[in-house]
Amino acid sequence: MTIAVYARNTKDNFSIYLEQLIALAEIEKFKIVVFKPYLEYLNKDSDKPFTLNTFSNSEELIAKADYVISLGGDGTMLETLEYVRRSGIPVLGVNTGRLGFLATVYKEDFAKAIQLLTKEKFTLDKRELIELDKTTCFNEVNYALNEFTIHKKRIECYD
């Protein structure tokens, strides 16, 4: 089993989460792969840098991961979907901030949630991924989770 970690480079995404995950990986015998910019962010000022496998794009994540942990909040969870896309890889949202509707695991429950994940003791909350076709306004990210909102406003789209 391989668990991927996606997180933004923010002060709330402490290295303690990765340290806990590494400790659990030794006990539960799973592999870890981490979003490369996040790992570089954590290692930037570290006396003891992490040496873990990384992913940088959707193709690498899909090829390497069985599960994904999204560390952050709802915005980070939506960004995580840019990498997971239509692969069907389950995503566990860990809320490291104040409020989360999509990222529902509290940071205090991180270790327990990982243990349940590795034992496959969870239920999947299925969400719909919606894709918007025939537009160039969103670059490569032309999909959303559960809904799109369309505003009547002039927007300049560039190819």
N, C-alpha and C. Protein backbone atom coordinates (compact mmCIF):
# COMPACT_ATOMS: atom_id res chain seq x y z
N MET A 1 0.84 -1.18 0.00
CA MET A 1 0.00 0.00 0.00
C MET A 1 0.88 1.24 0.00
N THR A 2 0.51 2.21 -0.81
CA THR A 2 1.23 3.49 -0.86
C THR A 2 0.25 4.62 -0.59
N ILE A 3 0.63 5.48 0.34
CA ILE A 3 -0.17 6.65 0.70
C ILE A 3 0.57 7.90 0.24
N ALA A 4 -0.11 8.71 -0.55
CA ALA A 4 0.47 9.98 -1.02
C ALA A 4 0.00 11.10 -0.09
N VAL A 5 0.82 12.13 0.02
CA VAL A 5 0.49 13.30 0.83
C VAL A 5 0.55 14.53 -0.06
N TYR A 6 -0.56 15.28 -0.09
CA TYR A 6 -0.58 16.55 -0.79
C TYR A 6 -0.85 17.63 0.25
N ALA A 7 -0.08 18.71 0.20
CA ALA A 7 -0.29 19.84 1.11
C ALA A 7 0.28 21.10 0.47
N ARG A 8 -0.29 22.21 0.88
CA ARG A 8 0.25 23.51 0.48
C ARG A 8 1.44 23.85 1.37
N ASN A 9 2.24 24.78 0.91
CA ASN A 9 3.39 25.24 1.69
C ASN A 9 2.94 26.34 2.65
N THR A 10 2.28 25.93 3.75
CA THR A 10 1.79 26.91 4.72
C THR A 10 2.24 26.56 6.13
N LYS A 11 2.17 27.54 6.99
CA LYS A 11 2.61 27.36 8.37
C LYS A 11 1.78 26.33 9.14
N ASP A 12 0.53 26.10 8.71
CA ASP A 12 -0.34 25.13 9.40
C ASP A 12 0.02 23.68 9.08
N ASN A 13 0.74 23.45 8.01
CA ASN A 13 1.08 22.09 7.60
C ASN A 13 2.46 21.72 8.13
N PHE A 14 2.51 21.55 9.42
CA PHE A 14 3.75 21.27 10.13
C PHE A 14 4.36 19.93 9.72
N SER A 15 5.65 19.80 9.96
CA SER A 15 6.33 18.55 9.66
C SER A 15 5.89 17.42 10.58
N ILE A 16 5.22 17.75 11.69
CA ILE A 16 4.78 16.72 12.64
C ILE A 16 3.86 15.71 11.97
N TYR A 17 3.06 16.15 11.00
CA TYR A 17 2.15 15.22 10.31
C TYR A 17 2.95 14.19 9.52
N LEU A 18 3.98 14.64 8.85
CA LEU A 18 4.82 13.72 8.08
C LEU A 18 5.62 12.81 9.02
N GLU A 19 6.07 13.35 10.14
CA GLU A 19 6.79 12.54 11.13
C GLU A 19 5.89 11.43 11.67
N GLN A 20 4.63 11.78 11.98
CA GLN A 20 3.67 10.78 12.46
C GLN A 20 3.41 9.72 11.39
N LEU A 21 3.28 10.16 10.15
CA LEU A 21 3.01 9.24 9.06
C LEU A 21 4.18 8.28 8.85
N ILE A 22 5.39 8.78 8.93
CA ILE A 22 6.58 7.94 8.78
C ILE A 22 6.64 6.90 9.91
N ALA A 23 6.35 7.31 11.14
CA ALA A 23 6.34 6.38 12.27
C ALA A 23 5.28 5.30 12.08
N LEU A 24 4.10 5.70 11.61
CA LEU A 24 3.04 4.72 11.37
C LEU A 24 3.38 3.80 10.19
N ALA A 25 4.07 4.33 9.19
CA ALA A 25 4.47 3.52 8.03
C ALA A 25 5.40 2.39 8.44
N GLU A 26 6.27 2.66 9.40
CA GLU A 26 7.17 1.62 9.89
C GLU A 26 6.40 0.51 10.60
N ILE A 27 5.37 0.88 11.35
CA ILE A 27 4.57 -0.09 12.09
C ILE A 27 3.62 -0.84 11.16
N GLU A 28 2.90 -0.09 10.33
CA GLU A 28 1.85 -0.67 9.49
C GLU A 28 2.35 -1.16 8.13
N LYS A 29 3.61 -0.90 7.83
CA LYS A 29 4.25 -1.40 6.60
C LYS A 29 3.60 -0.86 5.31
N PHE A 30 3.54 0.45 5.19
CA PHE A 30 3.10 1.06 3.94
C PHE A 30 4.15 2.06 3.47
N LYS A 31 4.05 2.42 2.21
CA LYS A 31 5.00 3.38 1.61
C LYS A 31 4.36 4.76 1.58
N ILE A 32 5.22 5.77 1.50
CA ILE A 32 4.77 7.16 1.46
C ILE A 32 5.36 7.84 0.24
N VAL A 33 4.56 8.65 -0.43
CA VAL A 33 5.03 9.51 -1.50
C VAL A 33 4.44 10.89 -1.23
N VAL A 34 5.26 11.93 -1.38
CA VAL A 34 4.88 13.28 -0.95
C VAL A 34 4.96 14.25 -2.13
N PHE A 35 4.03 15.21 -2.15
CA PHE A 35 4.04 16.26 -3.16
C PHE A 35 5.38 17.00 -3.06
N LYS A 36 6.11 17.01 -4.14
CA LYS A 36 7.50 17.50 -4.14
C LYS A 36 7.65 18.93 -3.60
N PRO A 37 6.83 19.91 -4.04
CA PRO A 37 6.99 21.26 -3.48
C PRO A 37 6.77 21.32 -1.96
N TYR A 38 5.86 20.52 -1.45
CA TYR A 38 5.63 20.48 0.00
C TYR A 38 6.83 19.90 0.73
N LEU A 39 7.39 18.82 0.20
CA LEU A 39 8.57 18.22 0.83
C LEU A 39 9.75 19.19 0.79
N GLU A 40 9.93 19.88 -0.31
CA GLU A 40 11.01 20.87 -0.41
C GLU A 40 10.79 22.01 0.59
N TYR A 41 9.55 22.42 0.77
CA TYR A 41 9.19 23.46 1.75
C TYR A 41 9.57 23.01 3.16
N LEU A 42 9.22 21.78 3.51
CA LEU A 42 9.55 21.28 4.84
C LEU A 42 11.05 21.13 5.04
N ASN A 43 11.75 20.72 4.00
CA ASN A 43 13.19 20.47 4.11
C ASN A 43 14.03 21.75 4.03
N LYS A 44 13.43 22.85 3.60
CA LYS A 44 14.18 24.09 3.34
C LYS A 44 15.01 24.55 4.54
N ASP A 45 14.41 24.59 5.71
CA ASP A 45 15.12 25.07 6.90
C ASP A 45 15.30 23.98 7.95
N SER A 46 15.26 22.74 7.53
CA SER A 46 15.29 21.62 8.47
C SER A 46 16.72 21.15 8.74
N ASP A 47 16.99 20.84 10.00
CA ASP A 47 18.27 20.24 10.37
C ASP A 47 18.31 18.76 10.00
N LYS A 48 17.12 18.16 9.93
CA LYS A 48 16.99 16.74 9.65
C LYS A 48 16.00 16.56 8.50
N PRO A 49 16.44 16.74 7.25
CA PRO A 49 15.52 16.70 6.12
C PRO A 49 14.93 15.31 5.88
N PHE A 50 13.72 15.31 5.34
CA PHE A 50 13.05 14.07 4.98
C PHE A 50 13.59 13.57 3.65
N THR A 51 13.78 12.28 3.53
CA THR A 51 14.16 11.67 2.26
C THR A 51 13.08 10.67 1.88
N LEU A 52 12.12 11.15 1.11
CA LEU A 52 10.97 10.34 0.72
C LEU A 52 10.76 10.43 -0.78
N ASN A 53 10.06 9.47 -1.33
CA ASN A 53 9.69 9.53 -2.74
C ASN A 53 8.68 10.67 -2.93
N THR A 54 8.69 11.25 -4.11
CA THR A 54 7.82 12.40 -4.37
C THR A 54 7.02 12.20 -5.65
N PHE A 55 6.02 13.08 -5.80
CA PHE A 55 5.29 13.21 -7.05
C PHE A 55 5.15 14.69 -7.35
N SER A 56 5.10 15.03 -8.62
CA SER A 56 5.01 16.43 -9.03
C SER A 56 3.79 16.73 -9.89
N ASN A 57 3.18 15.68 -10.42
CA ASN A 57 2.04 15.90 -11.32
C ASN A 57 1.03 14.76 -11.16
N SER A 58 -0.07 14.90 -11.85
CA SER A 58 -1.16 13.94 -11.76
C SER A 58 -0.74 12.54 -12.18
N GLU A 59 -0.02 12.45 -13.27
CA GLU A 59 0.39 11.13 -13.78
C GLU A 59 1.25 10.38 -12.77
N GLU A 60 2.18 11.09 -12.14
CA GLU A 60 3.04 10.45 -11.14
C GLU A 60 2.23 10.00 -9.92
N LEU A 61 1.32 10.84 -9.47
CA LEU A 61 0.50 10.48 -8.32
C LEU A 61 -0.34 9.24 -8.62
N ILE A 62 -1.02 9.25 -9.75
CA ILE A 62 -1.90 8.13 -10.11
C ILE A 62 -1.10 6.83 -10.25
N ALA A 63 0.11 6.92 -10.77
CA ALA A 63 0.93 5.72 -10.95
C ALA A 63 1.46 5.17 -9.62
N LYS A 64 1.58 6.02 -8.61
CA LYS A 64 2.25 5.61 -7.37
C LYS A 64 1.33 5.35 -6.18
N ALA A 65 0.16 5.99 -6.12
CA ALA A 65 -0.62 6.01 -4.88
C ALA A 65 -1.86 5.12 -4.90
N ASP A 66 -2.14 4.55 -3.73
CA ASP A 66 -3.39 3.83 -3.49
C ASP A 66 -4.40 4.72 -2.77
N TYR A 67 -3.87 5.62 -1.94
CA TYR A 67 -4.68 6.58 -1.19
C TYR A 67 -3.94 7.91 -1.18
N VAL A 68 -4.70 8.99 -0.96
CA VAL A 68 -4.10 10.32 -0.85
C VAL A 68 -4.59 10.98 0.42
N ILE A 69 -3.66 11.59 1.14
CA ILE A 69 -4.00 12.42 2.29
C ILE A 69 -3.85 13.86 1.86
N SER A 70 -4.90 14.63 2.05
CA SER A 70 -4.89 16.05 1.73
C SER A 70 -4.80 16.82 3.04
N LEU A 71 -3.64 17.44 3.30
CA LEU A 71 -3.42 18.20 4.54
C LEU A 71 -3.74 19.66 4.31
N GLY A 72 -4.71 20.19 5.00
CA GLY A 72 -5.06 21.60 4.85
C GLY A 72 -6.52 21.82 5.18
N GLY A 73 -7.22 22.38 4.23
CA GLY A 73 -8.65 22.63 4.40
C GLY A 73 -9.37 22.29 3.12
N ASP A 74 -10.52 22.91 2.95
CA ASP A 74 -11.33 22.61 1.77
C ASP A 74 -10.65 23.06 0.48
N GLY A 75 -9.96 24.18 0.50
CA GLY A 75 -9.24 24.64 -0.69
C GLY A 75 -8.15 23.67 -1.09
N THR A 76 -7.44 23.15 -0.11
CA THR A 76 -6.40 22.16 -0.38
C THR A 76 -7.02 20.87 -0.92
N MET A 77 -8.17 20.50 -0.39
CA MET A 77 -8.85 19.31 -0.87
C MET A 77 -9.22 19.48 -2.34
N LEU A 78 -9.71 20.63 -2.72
CA LEU A 78 -10.04 20.88 -4.13
C LEU A 78 -8.78 20.85 -5.00
N GLU A 79 -7.68 21.40 -4.50
CA GLU A 79 -6.41 21.33 -5.24
C GLU A 79 -5.95 19.88 -5.39
N THR A 80 -6.15 19.08 -4.37
CA THR A 80 -5.76 17.67 -4.42
C THR A 80 -6.45 16.97 -5.58
N LEU A 81 -7.69 17.34 -5.83
CA LEU A 81 -8.45 16.73 -6.92
C LEU A 81 -7.85 17.03 -8.28
N GLU A 82 -7.08 18.11 -8.39
CA GLU A 82 -6.39 18.39 -9.64
C GLU A 82 -5.39 17.28 -9.96
N TYR A 83 -4.89 16.62 -8.94
CA TYR A 83 -3.91 15.55 -9.12
C TYR A 83 -4.58 14.18 -9.19
N VAL A 84 -5.64 13.98 -8.44
CA VAL A 84 -6.33 12.69 -8.42
C VAL A 84 -7.16 12.51 -9.69
N ARG A 85 -7.80 13.58 -10.13
CA ARG A 85 -8.67 13.59 -11.33
C ARG A 85 -9.67 12.46 -11.29
N ARG A 86 -9.81 11.72 -12.36
CA ARG A 86 -10.82 10.66 -12.45
C ARG A 86 -10.25 9.27 -12.11
N SER A 87 -9.15 9.23 -11.39
CA SER A 87 -8.48 7.95 -11.10
C SER A 87 -9.26 7.06 -10.14
N GLY A 88 -10.10 7.64 -9.32
CA GLY A 88 -10.82 6.86 -8.31
C GLY A 88 -10.03 6.63 -7.04
N ILE A 89 -8.85 7.22 -6.93
CA ILE A 89 -8.05 7.06 -5.71
C ILE A 89 -8.76 7.80 -4.56
N PRO A 90 -9.04 7.10 -3.45
CA PRO A 90 -9.70 7.76 -2.32
C PRO A 90 -8.80 8.83 -1.69
N VAL A 91 -9.44 9.92 -1.26
CA VAL A 91 -8.73 11.04 -0.64
C VAL A 91 -9.24 11.22 0.78
N LEU A 92 -8.32 11.27 1.73
CA LEU A 92 -8.65 11.56 3.12
C LEU A 92 -8.28 13.01 3.39
N GLY A 93 -9.26 13.82 3.71
CA GLY A 93 -9.02 15.24 3.98
C GLY A 93 -8.78 15.48 5.46
N VAL A 94 -7.59 15.98 5.79
CA VAL A 94 -7.24 16.31 7.17
C VAL A 94 -7.23 17.82 7.31
N ASN A 95 -8.09 18.33 8.17
CA ASN A 95 -8.23 19.77 8.36
C ASN A 95 -7.17 20.26 9.34
N THR A 96 -6.17 20.98 8.83
CA THR A 96 -5.12 21.51 9.70
C THR A 96 -5.38 22.98 10.05
N GLY A 97 -6.49 23.51 9.57
CA GLY A 97 -6.86 24.90 9.84
C GLY A 97 -7.99 24.99 10.84
N ARG A 98 -8.92 25.93 10.54
CA ARG A 98 -10.01 26.20 11.46
C ARG A 98 -11.30 25.47 11.13
N LEU A 99 -11.69 25.48 9.86
CA LEU A 99 -13.00 24.97 9.48
C LEU A 99 -12.88 24.17 8.20
N GLY A 100 -13.59 23.06 8.14
CA GLY A 100 -13.56 22.26 6.94
C GLY A 100 -14.85 21.50 6.74
N PHE A 101 -15.39 21.57 5.54
CA PHE A 101 -16.58 20.81 5.20
C PHE A 101 -16.20 19.57 4.40
N LEU A 102 -15.17 19.70 3.57
CA LEU A 102 -14.68 18.57 2.78
C LEU A 102 -13.57 17.84 3.51
N ALA A 103 -12.69 18.58 4.14
CA ALA A 103 -11.59 18.00 4.93
C ALA A 103 -12.12 17.80 6.35
N THR A 104 -12.64 16.61 6.62
CA THR A 104 -13.41 16.40 7.85
C THR A 104 -12.66 15.76 9.00
N VAL A 105 -11.45 15.25 8.77
CA VAL A 105 -10.67 14.68 9.87
C VAL A 105 -9.92 15.82 10.56
N TYR A 106 -10.12 15.93 11.87
CA TYR A 106 -9.42 16.97 12.62
C TYR A 106 -7.97 16.57 12.84
N LYS A 107 -7.10 17.58 12.92
CA LYS A 107 -5.67 17.32 13.06
C LYS A 107 -5.36 16.48 14.30
N GLU A 108 -6.17 16.60 15.33
CA GLU A 108 -5.95 15.82 16.55
C GLU A 108 -6.22 14.33 16.32
N ASP A 109 -6.99 14.01 15.30
CA ASP A 109 -7.35 12.63 15.00
C ASP A 109 -6.52 12.04 13.85
N PHE A 110 -5.46 12.72 13.47
CA PHE A 110 -4.66 12.32 12.31
C PHE A 110 -4.14 10.88 12.43
N ALA A 111 -3.46 10.57 13.51
CA ALA A 111 -2.85 9.24 13.66
C ALA A 111 -3.91 8.14 13.67
N LYS A 112 -5.00 8.36 14.37
CA LYS A 112 -6.08 7.37 14.42
C LYS A 112 -6.69 7.17 13.03
N ALA A 113 -6.88 8.25 12.28
CA ALA A 113 -7.43 8.14 10.93
C ALA A 113 -6.52 7.35 10.01
N ILE A 114 -5.22 7.53 10.14
CA ILE A 114 -4.26 6.79 9.31
C ILE A 114 -4.30 5.31 9.66
N GLN A 115 -4.37 5.00 10.95
CA GLN A 115 -4.46 3.60 11.35
C GLN A 115 -5.71 2.94 10.78
N LEU A 116 -6.83 3.64 10.81
CA LEU A 116 -8.07 3.09 10.24
C LEU A 116 -7.95 2.94 8.73
N LEU A 117 -7.29 3.90 8.10
CA LEU A 117 -7.08 3.83 6.65
C LEU A 117 -6.27 2.61 6.27
N THR A 118 -5.18 2.37 6.99
CA THR A 118 -4.32 1.23 6.65
C THR A 118 -5.00 -0.11 6.88
N LYS A 119 -5.98 -0.12 7.77
CA LYS A 119 -6.75 -1.35 8.02
C LYS A 119 -8.00 -1.40 7.14
N GLU A 120 -8.13 -0.39 6.28
CA GLU A 120 -9.28 -0.25 5.38
C GLU A 120 -10.61 -0.29 6.13
N LYS A 121 -10.63 0.39 7.27
CA LYS A 121 -11.84 0.52 8.08
C LYS A 121 -12.36 1.94 7.92
N PHE A 122 -13.04 2.15 6.81
CA PHE A 122 -13.60 3.47 6.50
C PHE A 122 -14.76 3.29 5.53
N THR A 123 -15.52 4.33 5.38
CA THR A 123 -16.56 4.35 4.35
C THR A 123 -16.22 5.47 3.38
N LEU A 124 -16.53 5.25 2.14
CA LEU A 124 -16.28 6.27 1.12
C LEU A 124 -17.48 7.19 0.98
N ASP A 125 -17.23 8.46 0.97
CA ASP A 125 -18.24 9.47 0.70
C ASP A 125 -18.05 9.85 -0.76
N LYS A 126 -18.88 9.32 -1.62
CA LYS A 126 -18.70 9.54 -3.06
C LYS A 126 -19.12 10.96 -3.44
N ARG A 127 -18.28 11.60 -4.20
CA ARG A 127 -18.54 12.95 -4.71
C ARG A 127 -18.50 12.90 -6.22
N GLU A 128 -19.17 13.83 -6.82
CA GLU A 128 -19.19 13.91 -8.28
C GLU A 128 -18.15 14.91 -8.76
N LEU A 129 -17.38 14.51 -9.72
CA LEU A 129 -16.42 15.39 -10.37
C LEU A 129 -17.06 15.84 -11.67
N ILE A 130 -17.22 17.14 -11.81
CA ILE A 130 -17.89 17.72 -12.97
C ILE A 130 -16.85 18.36 -13.86
N GLU A 131 -16.96 18.10 -15.15
CA GLU A 131 -16.01 18.67 -16.10
C GLU A 131 -16.73 19.65 -17.02
N LEU A 132 -16.15 20.82 -17.20
CA LEU A 132 -16.68 21.82 -18.10
C LEU A 132 -15.91 21.73 -19.41
N ASP A 133 -16.63 21.55 -20.49
CA ASP A 133 -16.03 21.35 -21.79
C ASP A 133 -16.22 22.61 -22.64
N LYS A 134 -15.40 22.75 -23.65
CA LYS A 134 -15.52 23.84 -24.63
C LYS A 134 -15.22 25.22 -24.05
N THR A 135 -14.22 25.30 -23.21
CA THR A 135 -13.80 26.60 -22.71
C THR A 135 -12.29 26.62 -22.52
N THR A 136 -11.72 27.80 -22.59
CA THR A 136 -10.29 27.96 -22.33
C THR A 136 -10.06 28.91 -21.15
N CYS A 137 -11.12 29.20 -20.42
CA CYS A 137 -11.00 30.16 -19.31
C CYS A 137 -10.28 29.61 -18.09
N PHE A 138 -10.23 28.29 -17.95
CA PHE A 138 -9.70 27.70 -16.74
C PHE A 138 -8.37 26.99 -16.94
N ASN A 139 -7.70 27.24 -18.04
CA ASN A 139 -6.46 26.54 -18.36
C ASN A 139 -6.70 25.04 -18.36
N GLU A 140 -5.90 24.27 -17.64
CA GLU A 140 -6.07 22.82 -17.63
C GLU A 140 -7.04 22.34 -16.55
N VAL A 141 -7.44 23.22 -15.65
CA VAL A 141 -8.32 22.84 -14.55
C VAL A 141 -9.75 23.23 -14.89
N ASN A 142 -10.41 22.40 -15.69
CA ASN A 142 -11.76 22.71 -16.13
C ASN A 142 -12.78 21.78 -15.48
N TYR A 143 -12.60 21.46 -14.21
CA TYR A 143 -13.52 20.59 -13.50
C TYR A 143 -13.69 21.10 -12.08
N ALA A 144 -14.73 20.59 -11.42
CA ALA A 144 -15.04 21.04 -10.06
C ALA A 144 -15.61 19.87 -9.28
N LEU A 145 -15.74 20.06 -7.98
CA LEU A 145 -16.33 19.05 -7.12
C LEU A 145 -17.76 19.46 -6.81
N ASN A 146 -18.71 18.66 -7.26
CA ASN A 146 -20.14 18.82 -6.99
C ASN A 146 -20.85 19.94 -7.73
N GLU A 147 -20.22 21.05 -8.02
CA GLU A 147 -20.96 22.13 -8.67
C GLU A 147 -20.05 23.13 -9.36
N PHE A 148 -20.61 23.82 -10.33
CA PHE A 148 -20.04 25.00 -10.95
C PHE A 148 -20.98 26.15 -10.67
N THR A 149 -20.47 27.33 -10.56
CA THR A 149 -21.31 28.52 -10.48
C THR A 149 -21.00 29.36 -11.70
N ILE A 150 -22.04 29.74 -12.40
CA ILE A 150 -21.85 30.55 -13.61
C ILE A 150 -22.36 31.95 -13.31
N HIS A 151 -21.48 32.93 -13.46
CA HIS A 151 -21.82 34.33 -13.24
C HIS A 151 -21.96 35.02 -14.59
N LYS A 152 -22.91 35.93 -14.67
CA LYS A 152 -23.04 36.73 -15.89
C LYS A 152 -22.08 37.91 -15.76
N LYS A 153 -20.92 37.74 -16.37
CA LYS A 153 -19.86 38.73 -16.26
C LYS A 153 -18.92 38.52 -17.43
N ARG A 154 -18.38 39.58 -17.96
CA ARG A 154 -17.45 39.45 -19.08
C ARG A 154 -16.09 39.00 -18.52
N ILE A 155 -15.62 37.88 -19.03
CA ILE A 155 -14.33 37.35 -18.63
C ILE A 155 -13.49 37.17 -19.89
N GLU A 156 -12.28 37.64 -19.83
CA GLU A 156 -11.36 37.47 -20.97
C GLU A 156 -10.72 36.09 -20.88
N CYS A 157 -10.91 35.31 -21.92
CA CYS A 157 -10.31 33.98 -21.98
C CYS A 157 -9.19 34.00 -23.01
N TYR A 158 -8.10 33.37 -22.67
CA TYR A 158 -6.94 33.34 -23.56
C TYR A 158 -6.58 31.90 -23.86
N ASP A 159 -6.14 31.65 -25.05
CA ASP A 159 -5.70 30.30 -25.43
C ASP A 159 -4.32 30.02 -24.92
